[in-house]
Protein backbone atom coordinates (compact mmCIF):
# COMPACT_ATOMS: atom_id res chain seq x y z
CA UNK A 1 35.62 75.31 26.79
CA UNK A 2 34.71 74.11 23.30
CA UNK A 3 32.97 77.42 22.65
CA UNK A 4 36.07 79.35 23.78
CA UNK A 5 38.28 77.35 21.42
CA UNK A 6 35.78 77.64 18.57
CA UNK A 7 35.68 81.43 18.81
CA UNK A 8 39.47 81.59 19.03
CA UNK A 9 39.71 79.37 15.93
CA UNK A 10 37.28 81.66 14.11
CA UNK A 11 39.38 84.73 14.91
CA UNK A 12 42.56 82.98 13.82
CA UNK A 13 40.93 81.94 10.54
CA UNK A 14 39.79 85.52 9.92
CA UNK A 15 43.32 86.82 10.51
CA UNK A 16 44.84 84.18 8.25
CA UNK A 17 42.37 85.14 5.52
CA UNK A 18 43.69 88.71 5.79
CA UNK A 19 47.31 87.61 6.26
CA UNK A 20 48.89 90.68 4.66
CA UNK A 21 46.99 93.06 6.92
CA UNK A 22 47.79 90.91 9.96
CA UNK A 23 51.50 90.85 9.04
CA UNK A 24 51.54 94.64 8.65
CA UNK A 25 49.84 95.11 11.99
CA UNK A 26 51.99 92.66 13.96
CA UNK A 27 55.34 93.12 12.23
CA UNK A 28 55.76 96.15 10.00
CA UNK A 29 54.16 98.83 12.17
CA UNK A 30 56.13 97.94 15.35
CA UNK A 31 59.32 97.59 13.29
CA UNK A 32 58.82 101.14 11.95
CA UNK A 33 58.31 102.46 15.48
CA UNK A 34 61.44 100.68 16.68
CA UNK A 35 63.53 101.93 13.78
CA UNK A 36 62.33 105.55 13.89
CA UNK A 37 62.48 106.00 17.64
CA UNK A 38 65.36 103.63 18.34
CA UNK A 39 67.75 104.61 15.57
CA UNK A 40 66.60 107.95 14.21
CA UNK A 41 65.58 109.67 17.45
CA UNK A 42 68.19 107.74 19.44
CA UNK A 43 70.82 108.73 16.90
CA UNK A 44 70.05 112.40 17.52
CA UNK A 45 71.12 111.80 21.13
CA UNK A 46 74.46 109.98 20.58
CA UNK A 47 75.43 110.09 24.25
CA UNK A 48 72.38 108.14 25.28
CA UNK A 49 71.07 106.61 22.07
CA UNK A 50 71.24 102.99 23.18
CA UNK A 51 69.80 103.97 26.52
CA UNK A 52 66.78 105.55 24.88
CA UNK A 53 66.25 102.43 22.78
CA UNK A 54 66.10 100.44 26.01
CA UNK A 55 63.53 102.85 27.44
CA UNK A 56 61.40 103.01 24.31
CA UNK A 57 61.41 99.35 23.22
CA UNK A 58 59.32 98.01 26.17
CA UNK A 59 56.80 100.76 25.42
CA UNK A 60 56.43 99.53 21.84
CA UNK A 61 55.81 96.04 23.22
CA UNK A 62 53.12 97.59 25.43
CA UNK A 63 51.48 99.27 22.42
CA UNK A 64 51.29 95.93 20.63
CA UNK A 65 49.83 94.25 23.71
CA UNK A 66 47.01 96.79 24.05
CA UNK A 67 46.16 97.07 20.34
CA UNK A 68 45.95 93.30 19.80
CA UNK A 69 42.79 92.90 21.91
CA UNK A 70 41.11 95.80 20.11
CA UNK A 71 41.74 94.21 16.71
CA UNK A 72 40.44 90.85 17.93
CA UNK A 73 37.69 91.69 20.42
CA UNK A 74 36.73 94.94 18.75
CA UNK A 75 36.80 93.31 15.33
CA UNK A 76 34.43 90.59 16.51
CA UNK A 77 31.98 93.11 17.95
CA UNK A 78 32.11 95.51 15.00
CA UNK A 79 31.86 92.79 12.34
CA UNK A 80 29.09 91.18 14.39
CA UNK A 81 27.23 94.48 14.31
CA UNK A 82 27.67 95.17 10.60
CA UNK A 83 27.29 91.61 9.30
CA UNK A 84 24.72 90.41 11.84
CA UNK A 85 26.85 87.58 13.20
CA UNK A 86 26.01 88.58 16.78
CA UNK A 87 22.75 86.71 16.42
CA UNK A 88 24.77 83.51 15.91
CA UNK A 89 26.54 84.08 19.25
CA UNK A 90 23.23 84.56 21.01
CA UNK A 91 21.78 81.37 19.50
CA UNK A 92 24.65 79.31 20.93
CA UNK A 93 23.58 77.12 23.88
CA UNK A 94 25.79 79.00 26.34
CA UNK A 95 25.31 81.86 28.76
CA UNK A 96 26.12 85.49 27.98
CA UNK A 97 29.03 85.34 30.41
CA UNK A 98 30.46 82.39 28.48
CA UNK A 99 30.36 84.46 25.29
CA UNK A 100 32.00 87.31 27.18
CA UNK A 101 34.71 84.98 28.49
CA UNK A 102 35.32 83.65 24.97
CA UNK A 103 35.83 87.14 23.57
CA UNK A 104 38.16 88.12 26.41
CA UNK A 105 40.07 84.84 26.07
CA UNK A 106 40.65 85.57 22.38
CA UNK A 107 41.82 89.09 23.19
CA UNK A 108 44.31 87.78 25.75
CA UNK A 109 45.72 85.26 23.29
CA UNK A 110 46.24 87.88 20.60
CA UNK A 111 47.71 90.31 23.12
CA UNK A 112 50.24 87.64 24.11
CA UNK A 113 50.99 86.87 20.46
CA UNK A 114 51.49 90.54 19.62
CA UNK A 115 53.75 91.05 22.62
CA UNK A 116 55.82 87.99 21.70
CA UNK A 117 56.26 89.16 18.09
CA UNK A 118 57.42 92.64 19.10
CA UNK A 119 59.67 91.23 21.84
CA UNK A 120 61.33 89.13 19.13
CA UNK A 121 61.73 92.26 16.98
CA UNK A 122 63.30 94.11 19.91
CA UNK A 123 65.77 91.26 20.38
CA UNK A 124 66.56 91.08 16.63
CA UNK A 125 67.00 94.85 16.18
CA UNK A 126 68.54 95.94 19.47
CA UNK A 127 69.71 92.70 21.04
CA UNK A 128 67.57 93.41 24.11
CA UNK A 129 65.92 90.56 26.01
CA UNK A 130 63.84 90.66 29.21
CA UNK A 131 65.84 89.84 32.32
CA UNK A 132 62.71 88.79 34.23
CA UNK A 133 60.61 86.72 31.81
CA UNK A 134 58.02 85.78 34.43
CA UNK A 135 57.32 89.40 35.31
CA UNK A 136 57.05 90.25 31.62
CA UNK A 137 54.54 87.47 30.95
CA UNK A 138 52.40 88.54 33.92
CA UNK A 139 52.45 92.18 32.77
CA UNK A 140 51.51 91.23 29.22
CA UNK A 141 48.69 88.99 30.48
CA UNK A 142 47.35 91.78 32.67
CA UNK A 143 47.57 94.30 29.83
CA UNK A 144 45.83 92.04 27.34
CA UNK A 145 43.07 91.27 29.86
CA UNK A 146 42.51 94.93 30.74
CA UNK A 147 42.31 96.09 27.15
CA UNK A 148 40.04 93.22 26.12
CA UNK A 149 37.64 94.42 28.83
CA UNK A 150 38.24 98.07 27.97
CA UNK A 151 37.44 97.43 24.31
CA UNK A 152 34.12 95.80 25.21
CA UNK A 153 33.18 98.66 27.53
CA UNK A 154 33.98 101.37 24.99
CA UNK A 155 32.19 99.62 22.12
CA UNK A 156 29.11 98.44 24.00
CA UNK A 157 28.23 101.35 26.29
CA UNK A 158 27.41 103.76 23.40
CA UNK A 159 24.23 103.28 21.38
CA UNK A 160 26.04 101.36 18.63
CA UNK A 161 29.60 99.96 18.24
CA UNK A 162 30.46 102.29 15.36
CA UNK A 163 30.04 105.24 17.73
CA UNK A 164 32.13 103.42 20.31
CA UNK A 165 34.85 102.92 17.71
CA UNK A 166 35.22 106.69 17.42
CA UNK A 167 35.44 106.98 21.20
CA UNK A 168 38.12 104.27 21.33
CA UNK A 169 40.25 106.08 18.74
CA UNK A 170 39.91 109.30 20.72
CA UNK A 171 40.92 107.62 24.01
CA UNK A 172 43.86 105.69 22.58
CA UNK A 173 45.72 108.85 21.53
CA UNK A 174 46.35 110.15 25.08
CA UNK A 175 46.89 106.60 26.36
CA UNK A 176 49.61 106.08 23.77
CA UNK A 177 51.42 109.40 23.99
CA UNK A 178 50.85 110.25 27.67
CA UNK A 179 50.95 106.68 28.98
CA UNK A 180 54.76 106.34 29.22
CA UNK A 181 55.16 104.27 26.05
CA UNK A 182 57.85 106.40 24.38
CA UNK A 183 59.46 107.53 27.62
CA UNK A 184 59.69 106.29 31.20
CA UNK A 185 57.65 107.55 34.13
CA UNK A 186 60.69 109.02 35.89
CA UNK A 187 61.26 111.32 32.89
CA UNK A 188 57.96 113.13 33.53
CA UNK A 189 57.59 116.29 35.56
CA UNK A 190 54.57 117.76 37.30
CA UNK A 191 51.66 117.79 36.36
CA UNK A 192 52.20 115.20 33.62
CA UNK A 193 53.34 112.53 36.07
CA UNK A 194 49.95 112.76 37.80
CA UNK A 195 48.14 112.47 34.46
CA UNK A 196 50.16 109.37 33.60
CA UNK A 197 48.99 107.67 36.79
CA UNK A 198 45.41 107.78 35.47
CA UNK A 199 46.28 105.79 32.33
CA UNK A 200 46.56 101.97 32.39
CA UNK A 201 49.17 102.00 29.62
CA UNK A 202 51.57 103.63 32.11
CA UNK A 203 51.53 100.59 34.38
CA UNK A 204 51.85 98.13 31.49
CA UNK A 205 54.80 99.98 29.93
CA UNK A 206 56.54 100.49 33.28
CA UNK A 207 56.01 96.84 34.21
CA UNK A 208 57.68 95.82 30.96
CA UNK A 209 60.58 98.21 31.59
CA UNK A 210 61.06 96.59 34.98
CA UNK A 211 61.10 93.19 33.29
CA UNK A 212 63.67 94.29 30.71
CA UNK A 213 65.91 96.39 32.99
CA UNK A 214 65.32 95.69 36.70
CA UNK A 215 68.30 97.88 37.68
CA UNK A 216 67.24 100.91 35.60
CA UNK A 217 64.79 103.60 36.81
CA UNK A 218 61.21 102.39 36.57
CA UNK A 219 57.98 102.48 38.51
CA UNK A 220 58.04 100.33 41.65
CA UNK A 221 56.48 96.90 41.32
CA UNK A 222 54.00 97.64 44.10
CA UNK A 223 52.68 100.70 42.28
CA UNK A 224 52.46 98.79 38.99
CA UNK A 225 50.51 96.02 40.71
CA UNK A 226 48.23 98.53 42.43
CA UNK A 227 47.49 100.34 39.16
CA UNK A 228 46.74 97.16 37.24
CA UNK A 229 44.62 95.78 40.08
CA UNK A 230 42.59 98.98 40.37
CA UNK A 231 41.99 99.03 36.61
CA UNK A 232 40.85 95.39 36.74
CA UNK A 233 38.56 96.12 39.70
CA UNK A 234 36.84 98.79 37.62
CA UNK A 235 36.80 97.10 34.22
CA UNK A 236 35.73 93.54 35.15
CA UNK A 237 32.31 94.47 36.60
CA UNK A 238 31.85 97.29 34.07
CA UNK A 239 32.47 95.00 31.09
CA UNK A 240 30.19 92.34 32.59
CA UNK A 241 27.42 94.92 33.07
CA UNK A 242 27.84 96.46 29.60
CA UNK A 243 27.89 93.10 27.83
CA UNK A 244 24.87 91.61 29.58
CA UNK A 245 22.93 94.87 29.35
CA UNK A 246 23.54 95.11 25.60
CA UNK A 247 22.86 91.47 24.71
CA UNK A 248 20.18 90.50 27.21
CA UNK A 249 17.63 92.37 25.06
CA UNK A 250 19.32 92.46 21.68
CA UNK A 251 17.84 95.25 19.56
CA UNK A 252 20.51 96.10 16.95
C-alpha cells in the first residue's frame, strides 16, 4: 500500500510541477469542447439546443475520464522509458504485479479527478447535474480502470513505448468520434451503431448519459454493464501479460 501511495504522490508532484499544462488539460480543453458544442453547435439547432447540450456534456465527461489515465499511466511509462526511471521501479522490493497495481491505481485516481472537474464545469456552464450519482461514480471508475489497462497494453505490446504512443493516438480518434461521445447511441443508424458497440467509450458515455438523464433515450444499463464487463475481461489478463512479459526481462 505504501508503494501505491508513493507512486500516486510522485505523479501528483509531477503534475503540480507542470501546473499550467495540467490546468489546460483538465479545465481549458473540456471548457472549449463544452462551449463550442454546447453553445455554438447547439445554437445552430435552436429547437433542441439545450437538449443537445444534455446529450453532449456526459460525452465530454467521458473523454476526460479516458484521457486522464493515459496522461498519468502513459506518462509514467513513457518518461520511464526516456529517462530510465523504470529501473527504479524494478529495484523496488515489490512484485511486478504490485507495480502494475500502483500504475493502474494512479490512473483510476486521475480519471476520477478529471471526471469530477468536467462534471463541475458542466454544472457551472449548463446547470446540469447527474440524477444518479452512484451510477455515475461506478461508470467513471470502470472507465478509468479500463483505460488505465488499455494504455498499458498499447504502450507495452509494441517493441518500445514511443511506437505504442503512435498506436494510441491512432486508436483514440475513432474511439472519440465513433464512440458516442458527441452524440447518443440511439442517434446512430446502421452500420455505425454496430461499430459503436465495439468501442469501450460507447459504454462509458452512455452510462454517464443514463446517470445524468435516466428518463432520456440511452443505452440500457444491462448492455452498458455487459460491454464494460467484456472489456475488463479482455484487458485485465492482457495488461497483466504485457506488463510482466515486458518487465520480467527488462531490455530497454
